[in-house]
C-alpha atoms as a PDB file:
ATOM      1  CA  UNK A   1      69.344  34.028 -34.275  1.00  0.00           C
ATOM      2  CA  UNK A   2      66.150  34.872 -36.044  1.00  0.00           C
ATOM      3  CA  UNK A   3      65.884  31.343 -37.661  1.00  0.00           C
ATOM      4  CA  UNK A   4      65.970  29.655 -34.020  1.00  0.00           C
ATOM      5  CA  UNK A   5      63.538  31.784 -32.820  1.00  0.00           C
ATOM      6  CA  UNK A   6      60.608  30.916 -35.805  1.00  0.00           C
ATOM      7  CA  UNK A   7      61.874  27.316 -35.297  1.00  0.00           C
ATOM      8  CA  UNK A   8      60.924  27.250 -31.335  1.00  0.00           C
ATOM      9  CA  UNK A   9      57.808  29.382 -32.712  1.00  0.00           C
ATOM     10  CA  UNK A  10      57.146  26.564 -34.712  1.00  0.00           C
ATOM     11  CA  UNK A  11      57.776  23.746 -32.650  1.00  0.00           C
ATOM     12  CA  UNK A  12      55.431  25.274 -29.595  1.00  0.00           C
ATOM     13  CA  UNK A  13      52.740  26.450 -32.249  1.00  0.00           C
ATOM     14  CA  UNK A  14      52.658  22.061 -33.184  1.00  0.00           C
ATOM     15  CA  UNK A  15      52.820  20.861 -29.969  1.00  0.00           C
ATOM     16  CA  UNK A  16      49.721  23.291 -28.812  1.00  0.00           C
ATOM     17  CA  UNK A  17      47.857  21.892 -31.636  1.00  0.00           C
ATOM     18  CA  UNK A  18      48.866  18.607 -30.829  1.00  0.00           C
ATOM     19  CA  UNK A  19      47.298  18.898 -27.202  1.00  0.00           C
ATOM     20  CA  UNK A  20      44.273  20.813 -29.163  1.00  0.00           C
ATOM     21  CA  UNK A  21      43.514  17.242 -30.975  1.00  0.00           C
ATOM     22  CA  UNK A  22      44.284  15.245 -28.042  1.00  0.00           C
ATOM     23  CA  UNK A  23      41.692  17.678 -25.955  1.00  0.00           C
ATOM     24  CA  UNK A  24      38.647  18.201 -28.780  1.00  0.00           C
ATOM     25  CA  UNK A  25      39.224  13.715 -29.210  1.00  0.00           C
ATOM     26  CA  UNK A  26      38.787  13.099 -26.018  1.00  0.00           C
ATOM     27  CA  UNK A  27      35.462  15.617 -25.587  1.00  0.00           C
ATOM     28  CA  UNK A  28      33.822  13.685 -29.213  1.00  0.00           C
ATOM     29  CA  UNK A  29      34.954  10.643 -27.656  1.00  0.00           C
ATOM     30  CA  UNK A  30      32.868  11.446 -24.089  1.00  0.00           C
ATOM     31  CA  UNK A  31      29.665  13.101 -25.968  1.00  0.00           C
ATOM     32  CA  UNK A  32      29.175   9.904 -27.997  1.00  0.00           C
ATOM     33  CA  UNK A  33      29.258   7.382 -25.276  1.00  0.00           C
ATOM     34  CA  UNK A  34      25.831   6.176 -24.185  1.00  0.00           C
ATOM     35  CA  UNK A  35      24.325   7.938 -21.100  1.00  0.00           C
ATOM     36  CA  UNK A  36      25.000   5.859 -17.761  1.00  0.00           C
ATOM     37  CA  UNK A  37      21.360   4.222 -16.843  1.00  0.00           C
ATOM     38  CA  UNK A  38      19.803   4.714 -13.186  1.00  0.00           C
ATOM     39  CA  UNK A  39      20.436   1.240 -11.611  1.00  0.00           C
ATOM     40  CA  UNK A  40      17.071  -0.874 -11.328  1.00  0.00           C
ATOM     41  CA  UNK A  41      15.782  -1.290  -7.728  1.00  0.00           C
ATOM     42  CA  UNK A  42      14.376  -4.807  -7.689  1.00  0.00           C
ATOM     43  CA  UNK A  43      11.678  -5.210  -5.631  1.00  0.00           C
ATOM     44  CA  UNK A  44      10.419  -8.623  -5.718  1.00  0.00           C
ATOM     45  CA  UNK A  45       7.331  -7.212  -7.395  1.00  0.00           C
ATOM     46  CA  UNK A  46       5.832  -6.026 -10.587  1.00  0.00           C
ATOM     47  CA  UNK A  47       5.925  -2.353 -11.792  1.00  0.00           C
ATOM     48  CA  UNK A  48       2.737  -1.090 -12.690  1.00  0.00           C
ATOM     49  CA  UNK A  49       1.450   2.312 -14.036  1.00  0.00           C
ATOM     50  CA  UNK A  50      -2.378   3.624 -13.386  1.00  0.00           C
ATOM     51  CA  UNK A  51      -3.571   6.981 -15.224  1.00  0.00           C
ATOM     52  CA  UNK A  52      -5.840   8.794 -13.531  1.00  0.00           C
ATOM     53  CA  UNK A  53      -7.124  12.497 -14.318  1.00  0.00           C
ATOM     54  CA  UNK A  54      -4.353  12.709 -16.793  1.00  0.00           C
ATOM     55  CA  UNK A  55      -1.414  11.595 -14.321  1.00  0.00           C
ATOM     56  CA  UNK A  56       0.295   9.057 -14.409  1.00  0.00           C
ATOM     57  CA  UNK A  57       0.664   6.728 -10.920  1.00  0.00           C
ATOM     58  CA  UNK A  58       3.518   4.312 -10.005  1.00  0.00           C
ATOM     59  CA  UNK A  59       2.379   0.859  -8.040  1.00  0.00           C
ATOM     60  CA  UNK A  60       3.418  -2.618  -7.205  1.00  0.00           C
ATOM     61  CA  UNK A  61       1.808  -5.754  -7.635  1.00  0.00           C
ATOM     62  CA  UNK A  62       2.332  -9.111  -5.684  1.00  0.00           C
ATOM     63  CA  UNK A  63       1.382 -11.974  -7.913  1.00  0.00           C
ATOM     64  CA  UNK A  64       1.858 -15.738  -6.091  1.00  0.00           C
ATOM     65  CA  UNK A  65       4.417 -18.397  -7.749  1.00  0.00           C
ATOM     66  CA  UNK A  66       1.821 -19.852  -8.555  1.00  0.00           C
ATOM     67  CA  UNK A  67      -0.935 -17.809 -10.519  1.00  0.00           C
ATOM     68  CA  UNK A  68      -2.835 -19.069 -13.330  1.00  0.00           C
ATOM     69  CA  UNK A  69      -5.542 -17.965 -15.533  1.00  0.00           C
ATOM     70  CA  UNK A  70      -7.545 -21.080 -15.036  1.00  0.00           C
ATOM     71  CA  UNK A  71      -8.831 -19.432 -11.673  1.00  0.00           C
ATOM     72  CA  UNK A  72     -10.135 -16.393  -9.812  1.00  0.00           C
ATOM     73  CA  UNK A  73      -7.806 -15.057  -7.587  1.00  0.00           C
ATOM     74  CA  UNK A  74      -8.391 -12.958  -4.265  1.00  0.00           C
ATOM     75  CA  UNK A  75      -7.236  -9.152  -4.453  1.00  0.00           C
ATOM     76  CA  UNK A  76      -5.411  -6.991  -1.361  1.00  0.00           C
ATOM     77  CA  UNK A  77      -5.532  -3.355  -1.546  1.00  0.00           C
ATOM     78  CA  UNK A  78      -2.429  -2.446   0.745  1.00  0.00           C
ATOM     79  CA  UNK A  79      -2.509   1.232   1.940  1.00  0.00           C
ATOM     80  CA  UNK A  80       1.381   2.618   3.113  1.00  0.00           C
ATOM     81  CA  UNK A  81       1.875   4.939   5.735  1.00  0.00           C
ATOM     82  CA  UNK A  82       2.776   8.799   5.969  1.00  0.00           C
ATOM     83  CA  UNK A  83       6.709   7.781   5.612  1.00  0.00           C
ATOM     84  CA  UNK A  84       6.512   6.128   2.069  1.00  0.00           C
ATOM     85  CA  UNK A  85       4.440   8.821   0.323  1.00  0.00           C
ATOM     86  CA  UNK A  86       6.035  10.237  -3.180  1.00  0.00           C
ATOM     87  CA  UNK A  87       5.946   9.658  -6.659  1.00  0.00           C
ATOM     88  CA  UNK A  88       8.731   6.989  -7.026  1.00  0.00           C
ATOM     89  CA  UNK A  89       6.468   3.787  -7.194  1.00  0.00           C
ATOM     90  CA  UNK A  90       8.947   1.763  -4.630  1.00  0.00           C
ATOM     91  CA  UNK A  91       9.187   2.826  -1.227  1.00  0.00           C
ATOM     92  CA  UNK A  92       5.948   1.718  -0.459  1.00  0.00           C
ATOM     93  CA  UNK A  93       7.248  -1.783  -0.518  1.00  0.00           C
ATOM     94  CA  UNK A  94       9.493  -1.113   1.970  1.00  0.00           C
ATOM     95  CA  UNK A  95       6.924  -1.768   5.328  1.00  0.00           C
ATOM     96  CA  UNK A  96       4.065  -3.702   6.039  1.00  0.00           C
ATOM     97  CA  UNK A  97       2.580  -6.202   4.007  1.00  0.00           C
ATOM     98  CA  UNK A  98       5.368  -6.380   1.766  1.00  0.00           C
ATOM     99  CA  UNK A  99       7.841  -7.453   4.089  1.00  0.00           C
ATOM    100  CA  UNK A 100       5.133 -10.181   5.178  1.00  0.00           C
ATOM    101  CA  UNK A 101       5.400 -11.394   1.947  1.00  0.00           C
ATOM    102  CA  UNK A 102       9.404 -11.257   1.130  1.00  0.00           C
ATOM    103  CA  UNK A 103       9.334 -13.190   4.327  1.00  0.00           C
ATOM    104  CA  UNK A 104       7.367 -16.084   3.220  1.00  0.00           C
ATOM    105  CA  UNK A 105       5.449 -15.445   0.371  1.00  0.00           C
ATOM    106  CA  UNK A 106       3.370 -18.946   0.866  1.00  0.00           C
ATOM    107  CA  UNK A 107       1.326 -16.610   3.849  1.00  0.00           C
ATOM    108  CA  UNK A 108      -0.219 -14.837   0.952  1.00  0.00           C
ATOM    109  CA  UNK A 109      -2.003 -16.534  -1.460  1.00  0.00           C
ATOM    110  CA  UNK A 110      -3.620 -13.215  -3.125  1.00  0.00           C
ATOM    111  CA  UNK A 111      -2.691 -10.509  -5.663  1.00  0.00           C
ATOM    112  CA  UNK A 112      -1.299  -7.697  -4.175  1.00  0.00           C
ATOM    113  CA  UNK A 113      -1.870  -3.953  -4.878  1.00  0.00           C
ATOM    114  CA  UNK A 114       0.444  -1.664  -3.141  1.00  0.00           C
ATOM    115  CA  UNK A 115      -0.326   1.865  -4.991  1.00  0.00           C
ATOM    116  CA  UNK A 116       1.715   4.706  -3.555  1.00  0.00           C
ATOM    117  CA  UNK A 117       0.151   8.246  -2.292  1.00  0.00           C
ATOM    118  CA  UNK A 118       2.157  11.590  -3.415  1.00  0.00           C
ATOM    119  CA  UNK A 119       3.623  13.959  -0.690  1.00  0.00           C
ATOM    120  CA  UNK A 120       1.549  16.420   0.965  1.00  0.00           C
ATOM    121  CA  UNK A 121      -1.659  14.318   0.407  1.00  0.00           C
ATOM    122  CA  UNK A 122      -3.495  11.632   2.179  1.00  0.00           C
ATOM    123  CA  UNK A 123      -5.266   8.352   1.381  1.00  0.00           C
ATOM    124  CA  UNK A 124      -8.661   9.991   2.796  1.00  0.00           C
ATOM    125  CA  UNK A 125      -7.926  12.789   0.136  1.00  0.00           C
ATOM    126  CA  UNK A 126     -11.004  11.896  -2.658  1.00  0.00           C
ATOM    127  CA  UNK A 127      -7.769  12.189  -5.286  1.00  0.00           C
ATOM    128  CA  UNK A 128      -5.749  10.100  -3.648  1.00  0.00           C
ATOM    129  CA  UNK A 129      -8.291   7.232  -2.766  1.00  0.00           C
ATOM    130  CA  UNK A 130      -9.285   7.543  -6.708  1.00  0.00           C
ATOM    131  CA  UNK A 131      -5.882   6.034  -7.248  1.00  0.00           C
ATOM    132  CA  UNK A 132      -5.947   3.488  -4.886  1.00  0.00           C
ATOM    133  CA  UNK A 133      -9.080   1.852  -6.782  1.00  0.00           C
ATOM    134  CA  UNK A 134      -8.424   2.654 -10.249  1.00  0.00           C
ATOM    135  CA  UNK A 135      -4.985   0.735  -9.266  1.00  0.00           C
ATOM    136  CA  UNK A 136      -7.432  -1.944  -7.755  1.00  0.00           C
ATOM    137  CA  UNK A 137      -9.465  -2.564 -10.461  1.00  0.00           C
ATOM    138  CA  UNK A 138      -6.573  -2.238 -12.969  1.00  0.00           C
ATOM    139  CA  UNK A 139      -5.035  -5.549 -11.401  1.00  0.00           C
ATOM    140  CA  UNK A 140      -8.533  -7.112 -10.824  1.00  0.00           C
ATOM    141  CA  UNK A 141      -8.710  -7.207 -14.712  1.00  0.00           C
ATOM    142  CA  UNK A 142      -5.219  -8.145 -15.530  1.00  0.00           C
ATOM    143  CA  UNK A 143      -4.956 -11.118 -13.285  1.00  0.00           C
ATOM    144  CA  UNK A 144      -8.357 -12.685 -13.058  1.00  0.00           C
ATOM    145  CA  UNK A 145      -9.197 -10.681  -9.646  1.00  0.00           C
ATOM    146  CA  UNK A 146     -12.226 -12.526  -7.968  1.00  0.00           C
ATOM    147  CA  UNK A 147     -15.147  -9.724  -7.487  1.00  0.00           C
ATOM    148  CA  UNK A 148     -16.220 -11.197  -4.499  1.00  0.00           C
ATOM    149  CA  UNK A 149     -13.030 -11.709  -2.740  1.00  0.00           C
ATOM    150  CA  UNK A 150     -11.818  -7.902  -2.595  1.00  0.00           C
ATOM    151  CA  UNK A 151      -9.864  -6.992   1.195  1.00  0.00           C
ATOM    152  CA  UNK A 152      -8.582  -4.036   2.113  1.00  0.00           C
ATOM    153  CA  UNK A 153      -5.815  -3.265   4.827  1.00  0.00           C
ATOM    154  CA  UNK A 154      -3.422  -0.212   5.487  1.00  0.00           C
ATOM    155  CA  UNK A 155      -0.997   0.823   8.242  1.00  0.00           C
ATOM    156  CA  UNK A 156      -1.545   4.606  10.072  1.00  0.00           C
ATOM    157  CA  UNK A 157      -2.081   6.902   7.633  1.00  0.00           C
ATOM    158  CA  UNK A 158      -3.560   4.021   5.407  1.00  0.00           C
ATOM    159  CA  UNK A 159      -5.225   2.405   8.358  1.00  0.00           C
ATOM    160  CA  UNK A 160      -7.147   5.941   7.966  1.00  0.00           C
ATOM    161  CA  UNK A 161      -7.424   5.609   4.258  1.00  0.00           C
ATOM    162  CA  UNK A 162      -8.932   2.132   5.000  1.00  0.00           C
ATOM    163  CA  UNK A 163     -11.708   2.607   7.102  1.00  0.00           C
ATOM    164  CA  UNK A 164     -12.178   5.835   4.690  1.00  0.00           C
ATOM    165  CA  UNK A 165     -12.491   3.800   1.419  1.00  0.00           C
ATOM    166  CA  UNK A 166     -14.557   0.937   3.336  1.00  0.00           C
ATOM    167  CA  UNK A 167     -16.997   3.751   3.891  1.00  0.00           C
ATOM    168  CA  UNK A 168     -17.132   5.252   0.308  1.00  0.00           C
ATOM    169  CA  UNK A 169     -17.660   1.680  -0.849  1.00  0.00           C
ATOM    170  CA  UNK A 170     -19.343   0.142   1.156  1.00  0.00           C
ATOM    171  CA  UNK A 171     -19.815  -3.947  -0.139  1.00  0.00           C
ATOM    172  CA  UNK A 172     -17.106  -3.602  -2.025  1.00  0.00           C
ATOM    173  CA  UNK A 173     -14.340  -5.186  -0.042  1.00  0.00           C
ATOM    174  CA  UNK A 174     -15.394  -8.838   1.639  1.00  0.00           C
ATOM    175  CA  UNK A 175     -13.297  -7.736   4.690  1.00  0.00           C
ATOM    176  CA  UNK A 176     -10.807  -5.144   5.746  1.00  0.00           C
ATOM    177  CA  UNK A 177      -8.031  -4.982   8.287  1.00  0.00           C
ATOM    178  CA  UNK A 178      -6.904  -1.153   9.667  1.00  0.00           C
ATOM    179  CA  UNK A 179      -3.736  -0.907  11.465  1.00  0.00           C
ATOM    180  CA  UNK A 180      -2.979   1.977  14.082  1.00  0.00           C
ATOM    181  CA  UNK A 181      -5.460   4.390  12.058  1.00  0.00           C
ATOM    182  CA  UNK A 182      -8.433   5.842  12.793  1.00  0.00           C
ATOM    183  CA  UNK A 183     -11.395   8.695  12.069  1.00  0.00           C
ATOM    184  CA  UNK A 184     -10.717  11.448  13.548  1.00  0.00           C
ATOM    185  CA  UNK A 185      -7.097  13.119  13.753  1.00  0.00           C
ATOM    186  CA  UNK A 186      -4.491  12.309  16.484  1.00  0.00           C
ATOM    187  CA  UNK A 187      -5.217  16.088  17.857  1.00  0.00           C
ATOM    188  CA  UNK A 188      -9.011  15.854  17.493  1.00  0.00           C
ATOM    189  CA  UNK A 189      -9.317  12.290  18.590  1.00  0.00           C
ATOM    190  CA  UNK A 190      -7.101  12.995  22.196  1.00  0.00           C
ATOM    191  CA  UNK A 191      -9.893  15.938  22.744  1.00  0.00           C
ATOM    192  CA  UNK A 192     -12.509  14.434  21.846  1.00  0.00           C
ATOM    193  CA  UNK A 193     -15.080  13.439  24.421  1.00  0.00           C
ATOM    194  CA  UNK A 194     -14.900   9.854  25.602  1.00  0.00           C
ATOM    195  CA  UNK A 195     -19.116  10.178  26.028  1.00  0.00           C
ATOM    196  CA  UNK A 196     -19.474  11.162  21.879  1.00  0.00           C
ATOM    197  CA  UNK A 197     -19.361   8.225  19.946  1.00  0.00           C
ATOM    198  CA  UNK A 198     -21.352   9.459  17.147  1.00  0.00           C
ATOM    199  CA  UNK A 199     -18.282  10.285  14.685  1.00  0.00           C
ATOM    200  CA  UNK A 200     -16.941   6.223  15.476  1.00  0.00           C
ATOM    201  CA  UNK A 201     -20.712   5.334  14.337  1.00  0.00           C
ATOM    202  CA  UNK A 202     -21.470   7.385  11.540  1.00  0.00           C
ATOM    203  CA  UNK A 203     -18.159   5.725  10.080  1.00  0.00           C
ATOM    204  CA  UNK A 204     -19.667   2.490  11.389  1.00  0.00           C
ATOM    205  CA  UNK A 205     -22.685   2.949   9.205  1.00  0.00           C
ATOM    206  CA  UNK A 206     -21.520   3.584   6.256  1.00  0.00           C
ATOM    207  CA  UNK A 207     -19.158   0.820   6.281  1.00  0.00           C
ATOM    208  CA  UNK A 208     -22.269  -1.550   7.284  1.00  0.00           C
ATOM    209  CA  UNK A 209     -21.834  -5.165   7.807  1.00  0.00           C
ATOM    210  CA  UNK A 210     -18.161  -5.580   6.438  1.00  0.00           C
ATOM    211  CA  UNK A 211     -15.992  -7.984   8.819  1.00  0.00           C
ATOM    212  CA  UNK A 212     -13.172  -6.468  10.360  1.00  0.00           C
ATOM    213  CA  UNK A 213      -9.873  -7.203  12.007  1.00  0.00           C
ATOM    214  CA  UNK A 214      -8.433  -4.029  14.278  1.00  0.00           C
ATOM    215  CA  UNK A 215      -4.828  -3.982  15.356  1.00  0.00           C
ATOM    216  CA  UNK A 216      -3.225  -1.101  17.291  1.00  0.00           C
ATOM    217  CA  UNK A 217      -0.179  -0.204  19.885  1.00  0.00           C
ATOM    218  CA  UNK A 218      -1.338   0.344  23.424  1.00  0.00           C
ATOM    219  CA  UNK A 219       1.634   2.534  23.702  1.00  0.00           C
ATOM    220  CA  UNK A 220       1.142   4.478  20.278  1.00  0.00           C
ATOM    221  CA  UNK A 221       2.223   8.156  20.531  1.00  0.00           C
ATOM    222  CA  UNK A 222       1.015   8.910  17.136  1.00  0.00           C
ATOM    223  CA  UNK A 223      -2.253   7.895  16.693  1.00  0.00           C
ATOM    224  CA  UNK A 224      -4.059   7.193  20.220  1.00  0.00           C
ATOM    225  CA  UNK A 225      -4.755   3.534  20.262  1.00  0.00           C
ATOM    226  CA  UNK A 226      -8.884   4.841  21.630  1.00  0.00           C
ATOM    227  CA  UNK A 227      -9.481   5.319  18.085  1.00  0.00           C
ATOM    228  CA  UNK A 228      -9.428   1.694  17.021  1.00  0.00           C
ATOM    229  CA  UNK A 229     -11.175   0.738  20.332  1.00  0.00           C
ATOM    230  CA  UNK A 230     -13.804   3.097  19.854  1.00  0.00           C
ATOM    231  CA  UNK A 231     -14.181   1.707  16.135  1.00  0.00           C
ATOM    232  CA  UNK A 232     -14.004  -1.489  17.272  1.00  0.00           C
ATOM    233  CA  UNK A 233     -17.556  -1.003  19.548  1.00  0.00           C
ATOM    234  CA  UNK A 234     -19.203   0.939  16.405  1.00  0.00           C
ATOM    235  CA  UNK A 235     -18.434  -1.712  14.551  1.00  0.00           C
ATOM    236  CA  UNK A 236     -19.981  -4.293  17.138  1.00  0.00           C
ATOM    237  CA  UNK A 237     -22.947  -2.461  17.386  1.00  0.00           C
ATOM    238  CA  UNK A 238     -23.714  -1.955  13.408  1.00  0.00           C
ATOM    239  CA  UNK A 239     -23.016  -6.101  12.663  1.00  0.00           C
ATOM    240  CA  UNK A 240     -24.835  -6.710  15.677  1.00  0.00           C
ATOM    241  CA  UNK A 241     -24.939 -10.599  16.243  1.00  0.00           C
ATOM    242  CA  UNK A 242     -26.718 -11.426  12.030  1.00  0.00           C
ATOM    243  CA  UNK A 243     -25.146 -14.066   9.762  1.00  0.00           C
ATOM    244  CA  UNK A 244     -21.589 -14.628   8.808  1.00  0.00           C
ATOM    245  CA  UNK A 245     -20.605 -14.645   5.447  1.00  0.00           C
ATOM    246  CA  UNK A 246     -17.026 -16.824   5.241  1.00  0.00           C
ATOM    247  CA  UNK A 247     -15.485 -18.774   2.234  1.00  0.00           C
ATOM    248  CA  UNK A 248     -16.730 -22.344   2.697  1.00  0.00           C
ATOM    249  CA  UNK A 249     -12.593 -23.569   3.187  1.00  0.00           C
ATOM    250  CA  UNK A 250     -13.168 -21.429   6.294  1.00  0.00           C
ATOM    251  CA  UNK A 251     -12.715 -22.896   9.550  1.00  0.00           C
ATOM    252  CA  UNK A 252     -14.977 -22.078  12.469  1.00  0.00           C
ATOM    253  CA  UNK A 253     -11.963 -19.781  14.022  1.00  0.00           C
ATOM    254  CA  UNK A 254     -12.451 -17.679  10.748  1.00  0.00           C
ATOM    255  CA  UNK A 255     -16.011 -17.041  11.299  1.00  0.00           C
ATOM    256  CA  UNK A 256     -15.896 -13.732  13.823  1.00  0.00           C
ATOM    257  CA  UNK A 257     -16.472 -10.470  12.605  1.00  0.00           C
ATOM    258  CA  UNK A 258     -15.182  -7.706  14.576  1.00  0.00           C
ATOM    259  CA  UNK A 259     -11.811  -8.304  15.838  1.00  0.00           C
ATOM    260  CA  UNK A 260     -10.074  -6.016  17.875  1.00  0.00           C
ATOM    261  CA  UNK A 261      -6.043  -6.747  19.084  1.00  0.00           C
ATOM    262  CA  UNK A 262      -4.465  -4.768  20.786  1.00  0.00           C
ATOM    263  CA  UNK A 263      -0.825  -4.673  21.731  1.00  0.00           C
ATOM    264  CA  UNK A 264       0.866  -3.863  24.999  1.00  0.00           C
ATOM    265  CA  UNK A 265       3.736  -1.630  25.546  1.00  0.00           C
ATOM    266  CA  UNK A 266       3.929  -1.485  21.160  1.00  0.00           C
ATOM    267  CA  UNK A 267       4.360   1.586  20.047  1.00  0.00           C
ATOM    268  CA  UNK A 268       3.081   3.221  16.582  1.00  0.00           C
ATOM    269  CA  UNK A 269       4.598   0.152  14.187  1.00  0.00           C
ATOM    270  CA  UNK A 270       1.898  -2.533  15.206  1.00  0.00           C
ATOM    271  CA  UNK A 271       1.583  -3.408  11.864  1.00  0.00           C
ATOM    272  CA  UNK A 272       5.244  -5.402  12.420  1.00  0.00           C
ATOM    273  CA  UNK A 273       2.757  -7.157  14.792  1.00  0.00           C
ATOM    274  CA  UNK A 274      -0.455  -7.343  12.807  1.00  0.00           C
ATOM    275  CA  UNK A 275       0.919  -9.055   9.916  1.00  0.00           C
ATOM    276  CA  UNK A 276       2.884 -11.425  11.649  1.00  0.00           C
ATOM    277  CA  UNK A 277      -0.012 -12.716  13.071  1.00  0.00           C
ATOM    278  CA  UNK A 278      -0.416 -16.171  11.892  1.00  0.00           C
ATOM    279  CA  UNK A 279      -3.954 -16.194  11.109  1.00  0.00           C
ATOM    280  CA  UNK A 280      -4.364 -12.442   9.716  1.00  0.00           C
ATOM    281  CA  UNK A 281      -4.274 -13.626   5.926  1.00  0.00           C
ATOM    282  CA  UNK A 282      -6.061 -16.777   5.992  1.00  0.00           C
ATOM    283  CA  UNK A 283      -8.845 -15.233   8.410  1.00  0.00           C
ATOM    284  CA  UNK A 284      -8.772 -12.052   5.830  1.00  0.00           C
ATOM    285  CA  UNK A 285      -8.978 -14.258   2.464  1.00  0.00           C
ATOM    286  CA  UNK A 286     -11.694 -16.547   4.300  1.00  0.00           C
ATOM    287  CA  UNK A 287     -13.860 -13.922   3.879  1.00  0.00           C
ATOM    288  CA  UNK A 288     -15.929 -13.435   0.763  1.00  0.00           C
ATOM    289  CA  UNK A 289     -19.287 -11.531  -0.652  1.00  0.00           C
ATOM    290  CA  UNK A 290     -21.946 -13.231  -0.899  1.00  0.00           C
ATOM    291  CA  UNK A 291     -23.279 -13.747  -4.451  1.00  0.00           C
ATOM    292  CA  UNK A 292     -26.647 -14.430  -5.825  1.00  0.00           C
ATOM    293  CA  UNK A 293     -28.152 -17.249  -4.515  1.00  0.00           C
ATOM    294  CA  UNK A 294     -25.972 -18.071  -2.160  1.00  0.00           C
ATOM    295  CA  UNK A 295     -27.405 -19.690   1.564  1.00  0.00           C
ATOM    296  CA  UNK A 296     -26.287 -17.677   4.835  1.00  0.00           C
ATOM    297  CA  UNK A 297     -24.788 -19.402   6.870  1.00  0.00           C
END
């Protein structure tokens, strides 16, 4: 009887040892397996980073299929809206100019820089403006950008950023295209007296004689269309009837200095309409900064 019990004990110990050995083997195998890498998200654009004040920021770049070092290229800086803020360096490619590029890459024969604004801040904050400009400068150097053909466009919060950067860097951009942006924050804009044009004139004077095509939805519930209407009037006042600076390949239709397009019945996402305009990119890229010795048209 005692011998039988000893035998049963030995069998139990052997089985338990075998189970433990298998468990340890499985655990060891799992530890040696390489960690699963996050799936790469393909945007159709190039991933880049820029470092400003010791902080690294991710951004995206579109390069035309026929890009070559044999010539200089126009460069467009695109500022996204508040909904695309973050630090993944990707989400800003889901709206606006990137959508237009994906539909027809040939419509945008230019390098396009798409930086990303961090959460809880705006493009009108100086730190984020510095990030956008640093990304622009980096891309200009890498992709042989033409300093006389630098353009700026943005939507919503990026529309505000477009007005802001154009005023902070007068003479930097050959033309700008702000969409559903403004000068005053929406609440202040709604409370602004119709007779007080001073904030808009001050902004227009900072920007100077830069060609501009402004877009807004007539029924925008977020940023009142009055912001774009008033900036259009202010820019016309500043620009006046002075000579037009157009690229030699521009057509007569491209020579307008200030254009305001309002879409009746359209809400805040007027960027879908704006970037679908047949002439928006040809108009933008038809402008250039005068070089020394150039003649006015």
